Amino acid sequence: MATLAVYDAQKQKVGELTVQDDVFAVPVKVELLQEVVRWQMAKRRAGTACTKRRDEVSGGGRKPWRQKGTGRARAGSNTSPLWKRGGSVFGPKPRSYAYKLPKKVRALALRMALSDKVGSDRLFVLRDFGLNEIKTKNMAQLVDRFSDGTRKAVIVTSEPNQIVELSARNIPYVKVLRQEGLNVYDLLRYDYVIIHEPAVAKIEERLRP
């Protein structure tokens, strides 16, 4: 079993935590991570682009001019796609881009993303946030200690924590997630991961194969 160091808010080691190898020490496959990220982004697409077909644009109802004798090309309606302000041909319509991906694949990718952070020493287990009030400055200092000053970190809490969530909401490139919302895209997007110690057991229980 792998062992992770446990830190306090000042980044002083205060203990160790034994974790499951099949959750935090899984061989990483880039192709699988890419597939899950693609699935996540497809689910997030709005799919609201919409154009009007020739039966939806205003106009039509009568023939613009008689069929023969005018010297102009034949025309049956001013809603034709050939006309200015006419309908669109094969234009986009509202749709969902989401598709299904097996739960086991998603869970495996999440274990790989966590393992990648552990392997690169960018995952930290935090015993206590050390925050007694909602204050952005204190949260920024905390994140600086664990992210080498880059502040590109995702913070994972074990349960709703208003002080942590509100203190971090105005810091660019810092995101707070509850453990049930942990996902591959955010783990790969942010350089560092800070996990509240009680959340580790819940993550293991959810992801253990």
Protein backbone atom coordinates (compact mmCIF):
# COMPACT_ATOMS: atom_id res chain seq x y z
CA MET A 1 0.00 0.00 0.00
CA ALA A 2 1.12 3.53 -0.75
CA THR A 3 1.72 6.09 1.99
CA LEU A 4 0.89 9.77 1.73
CA ALA A 5 2.23 12.47 4.03
CA VAL A 6 -0.34 14.48 5.96
CA TYR A 7 0.29 18.22 6.42
CA ASP A 8 -1.13 21.01 8.52
CA ALA A 9 -2.05 24.45 7.17
CA GLN A 10 1.58 25.61 7.48
CA LYS A 11 2.77 22.68 5.33
CA GLN A 12 4.40 20.96 8.28
CA LYS A 13 4.22 17.18 8.19
CA VAL A 14 2.00 15.94 11.02
CA GLY A 15 1.52 12.31 10.08
CA GLU A 16 1.15 9.69 7.38
CA LEU A 17 -1.85 8.11 5.71
CA THR A 18 -1.92 4.65 4.14
CA VAL A 19 -3.93 4.53 0.92
CA GLN A 20 -5.00 1.81 -1.49
CA ASP A 21 -2.66 1.11 -4.40
CA ASP A 22 -5.61 0.35 -6.70
CA VAL A 23 -6.83 3.93 -6.24
CA PHE A 24 -3.70 6.05 -5.81
CA ALA A 25 -1.05 3.97 -7.61
CA VAL A 26 -2.60 2.94 -10.91
CA PRO A 27 -0.63 2.89 -14.20
CA VAL A 28 -1.64 5.91 -16.27
CA LYS A 29 -2.96 5.59 -19.82
CA VAL A 30 -3.15 8.95 -21.58
CA GLU A 31 -5.62 7.68 -24.20
CA LEU A 32 -8.18 6.74 -21.56
CA LEU A 33 -7.83 10.07 -19.78
CA GLN A 34 -8.31 11.85 -23.09
CA GLU A 35 -11.48 9.85 -23.81
CA VAL A 36 -13.02 10.74 -20.44
CA VAL A 37 -12.14 14.43 -20.82
CA ARG A 38 -13.74 14.40 -24.27
CA TRP A 39 -16.87 12.84 -22.75
CA GLN A 40 -17.00 15.48 -20.02
CA MET A 41 -16.61 18.34 -22.49
CA ALA A 42 -19.28 16.88 -24.77
CA LYS A 43 -21.72 16.79 -21.84
CA ARG A 44 -20.99 20.45 -21.12
CA ARG A 45 -21.65 21.67 -24.67
CA ALA A 46 -24.73 23.84 -24.78
CA GLY A 47 -25.90 22.65 -28.18
CA THR A 48 -28.11 25.72 -28.56
CA ALA A 49 -27.00 26.87 -32.04
CA CYS A 50 -30.07 27.24 -34.23
CA THR A 51 -30.75 28.40 -37.78
CA LYS A 52 -34.09 28.81 -39.56
CA ARG A 53 -35.10 26.52 -42.39
CA ARG A 54 -36.99 27.84 -45.40
CA ASP A 55 -40.32 26.96 -43.76
CA GLU A 56 -39.40 29.00 -40.66
CA VAL A 57 -38.24 32.32 -42.13
CA SER A 58 -40.80 35.06 -42.72
CA GLY A 59 -42.08 35.56 -46.24
CA GLY A 60 -43.19 33.22 -48.96
CA GLY A 61 -46.83 32.53 -49.63
CA ARG A 62 -46.85 33.70 -53.22
CA LYS A 63 -44.73 33.44 -56.33
CA PRO A 64 -42.39 36.48 -56.63
CA TRP A 65 -43.14 36.86 -60.37
CA ARG A 66 -44.75 34.90 -63.14
CA GLN A 67 -43.01 31.81 -64.43
CA LYS A 68 -42.27 32.97 -67.97
CA GLY A 69 -41.78 36.12 -69.95
CA THR A 70 -39.84 38.27 -67.50
CA GLY A 71 -36.35 37.27 -68.59
CA ARG A 72 -35.46 36.37 -65.03
CA ALA A 73 -34.78 32.97 -63.54
CA ARG A 74 -37.74 30.98 -62.33
CA ALA A 75 -38.56 31.51 -58.65
CA GLY A 76 -41.26 29.96 -56.53
CA SER A 77 -40.67 31.60 -53.15
CA ASN A 78 -38.54 34.29 -51.54
CA THR A 79 -37.74 31.90 -48.68
CA SER A 80 -35.48 29.84 -50.95
CA PRO A 81 -31.95 29.31 -49.60
CA LEU A 82 -30.70 30.94 -52.80
CA TRP A 83 -32.28 34.22 -51.84
CA LYS A 84 -31.00 36.86 -49.45
CA ARG A 85 -32.67 36.35 -46.06
CA GLY A 86 -33.83 32.95 -47.26
CA GLY A 87 -33.84 29.80 -45.17
CA SER A 88 -30.69 27.86 -44.25
CA VAL A 89 -29.76 24.51 -45.74
CA PHE A 90 -28.59 21.85 -43.27
CA GLY A 91 -27.98 24.49 -40.59
CA PRO A 92 -27.50 23.54 -36.93
CA LYS A 93 -30.47 22.83 -34.68
CA PRO A 94 -30.54 22.50 -30.87
CA ARG A 95 -29.18 19.11 -29.86
CA SER A 96 -27.36 17.28 -27.10
CA TYR A 97 -23.74 16.27 -27.66
CA ALA A 98 -23.70 13.95 -24.64
CA TYR A 99 -23.02 10.27 -25.09
CA LYS A 100 -22.70 7.31 -22.76
CA LEU A 101 -19.43 6.12 -21.25
CA PRO A 102 -19.23 3.06 -18.96
CA LYS A 103 -18.99 3.79 -15.24
CA LYS A 104 -15.99 1.50 -14.90
CA VAL A 105 -14.09 3.47 -17.54
CA ARG A 106 -14.86 6.77 -15.81
CA ALA A 107 -13.84 5.43 -12.41
CA LEU A 108 -10.60 3.98 -13.80
CA ALA A 109 -9.72 7.32 -15.42
CA LEU A 110 -10.32 9.11 -12.13
CA ARG A 111 -8.00 6.68 -10.35
CA MET A 112 -5.38 7.27 -13.04
CA ALA A 113 -5.65 11.05 -12.66
CA LEU A 114 -5.19 10.77 -8.89
CA SER A 115 -2.27 8.39 -9.36
CA ASP A 116 -0.63 10.81 -11.78
CA LYS A 117 -0.76 13.60 -9.17
CA VAL A 118 0.67 11.29 -6.49
CA GLY A 119 3.45 10.16 -8.81
CA SER A 120 4.44 13.73 -9.62
CA ASP A 121 4.28 14.85 -5.95
CA ARG A 122 1.47 17.28 -6.65
CA LEU A 123 -1.15 15.80 -4.36
CA PHE A 124 -1.21 16.90 -0.71
CA VAL A 125 -3.35 15.63 2.13
CA LEU A 126 -4.34 18.39 4.53
CA ARG A 127 -5.42 17.67 8.10
CA ASP A 128 -6.90 21.09 8.77
CA PHE A 129 -7.39 24.24 6.68
CA GLY A 130 -6.69 26.46 9.66
CA LEU A 131 -9.32 29.00 8.59
CA ASN A 132 -11.54 30.53 11.28
CA GLU A 133 -13.20 33.15 9.09
CA ILE A 134 -14.02 33.86 5.47
CA LYS A 135 -10.91 35.65 4.24
CA THR A 136 -9.48 35.46 0.73
CA LYS A 137 -6.00 36.54 1.84
CA ASN A 138 -5.64 33.63 4.27
CA MET A 139 -6.81 31.13 1.65
CA ALA A 140 -4.42 32.58 -0.95
CA GLN A 141 -1.51 32.15 1.46
CA LEU A 142 -2.54 28.57 2.15
CA VAL A 143 -2.71 27.73 -1.55
CA ASP A 144 0.64 29.44 -2.19
CA ARG A 145 2.35 27.10 0.30
CA PHE A 146 1.14 23.98 -1.48
CA SER A 147 1.30 25.15 -5.09
CA ASP A 148 4.77 26.70 -5.20
CA GLY A 149 3.20 30.12 -5.65
CA THR A 150 1.35 29.25 -8.87
CA ARG A 151 -2.06 29.10 -7.18
CA LYS A 152 -3.24 26.61 -9.80
CA ALA A 153 -4.86 24.14 -7.45
CA VAL A 154 -8.08 22.24 -6.86
CA ILE A 155 -9.15 21.83 -3.23
CA VAL A 156 -11.18 18.75 -2.32
CA THR A 157 -13.30 18.85 0.84
CA SER A 158 -14.98 15.96 2.61
CA GLU A 159 -18.24 17.86 3.18
CA PRO A 160 -19.73 21.32 2.53
CA ASN A 161 -17.39 23.94 3.99
CA GLN A 162 -18.66 27.48 3.55
CA ILE A 163 -15.52 29.11 4.93
CA VAL A 164 -13.26 27.32 2.43
CA GLU A 165 -15.64 27.73 -0.52
CA LEU A 166 -16.26 31.45 0.00
CA SER A 167 -12.62 32.23 0.83
CA ALA A 168 -11.43 30.68 -2.43
CA ARG A 169 -14.09 31.85 -4.86
CA ASN A 170 -12.28 35.09 -5.81
CA ILE A 171 -8.86 33.51 -6.33
CA PRO A 172 -8.09 32.87 -10.01
CA TYR A 173 -7.12 29.29 -10.95
CA VAL A 174 -8.29 27.88 -7.60
CA LYS A 175 -11.35 25.65 -7.45
CA VAL A 176 -13.07 24.00 -4.48
CA LEU A 177 -14.79 20.66 -5.02
CA ARG A 178 -16.56 18.34 -2.64
CA GLN A 179 -15.26 14.80 -2.82
CA GLU A 180 -18.34 13.53 -4.66
CA GLY A 181 -17.72 16.11 -7.40
CA LEU A 182 -14.11 15.09 -8.06
CA ASN A 183 -13.58 14.61 -11.81
CA VAL A 184 -10.85 13.90 -14.34
CA TYR A 185 -11.04 17.23 -16.19
CA ASP A 186 -10.40 19.36 -13.10
CA LEU A 187 -7.63 17.05 -11.86
CA LEU A 188 -5.81 17.46 -15.16
CA ARG A 189 -6.57 21.16 -15.57
CA TYR A 190 -5.09 22.24 -12.23
CA ASP A 191 -1.45 21.58 -11.39
CA TYR A 192 -1.90 20.75 -7.69
CA VAL A 193 -4.49 18.87 -5.65
CA ILE A 194 -5.13 19.57 -1.96
CA ILE A 195 -7.37 16.98 -0.30
CA HIS A 196 -8.87 17.28 3.17
CA GLU A 197 -7.83 14.17 5.10
CA PRO A 198 -11.38 12.85 5.82
CA ALA A 199 -12.14 13.00 2.08
CA VAL A 200 -9.46 10.42 1.24
CA ALA A 201 -11.37 7.51 2.80
CA LYS A 202 -14.57 8.55 1.02
CA ILE A 203 -12.76 8.74 -2.31
CA GLU A 204 -11.26 5.29 -1.77
CA GLU A 205 -14.66 3.84 -0.85
CA ARG A 206 -16.21 5.29 -4.01
CA LEU A 207 -13.43 4.37 -6.45
CA ARG A 208 -12.17 1.05 -5.13
CA PRO A 209 -12.66 -1.57 -7.91
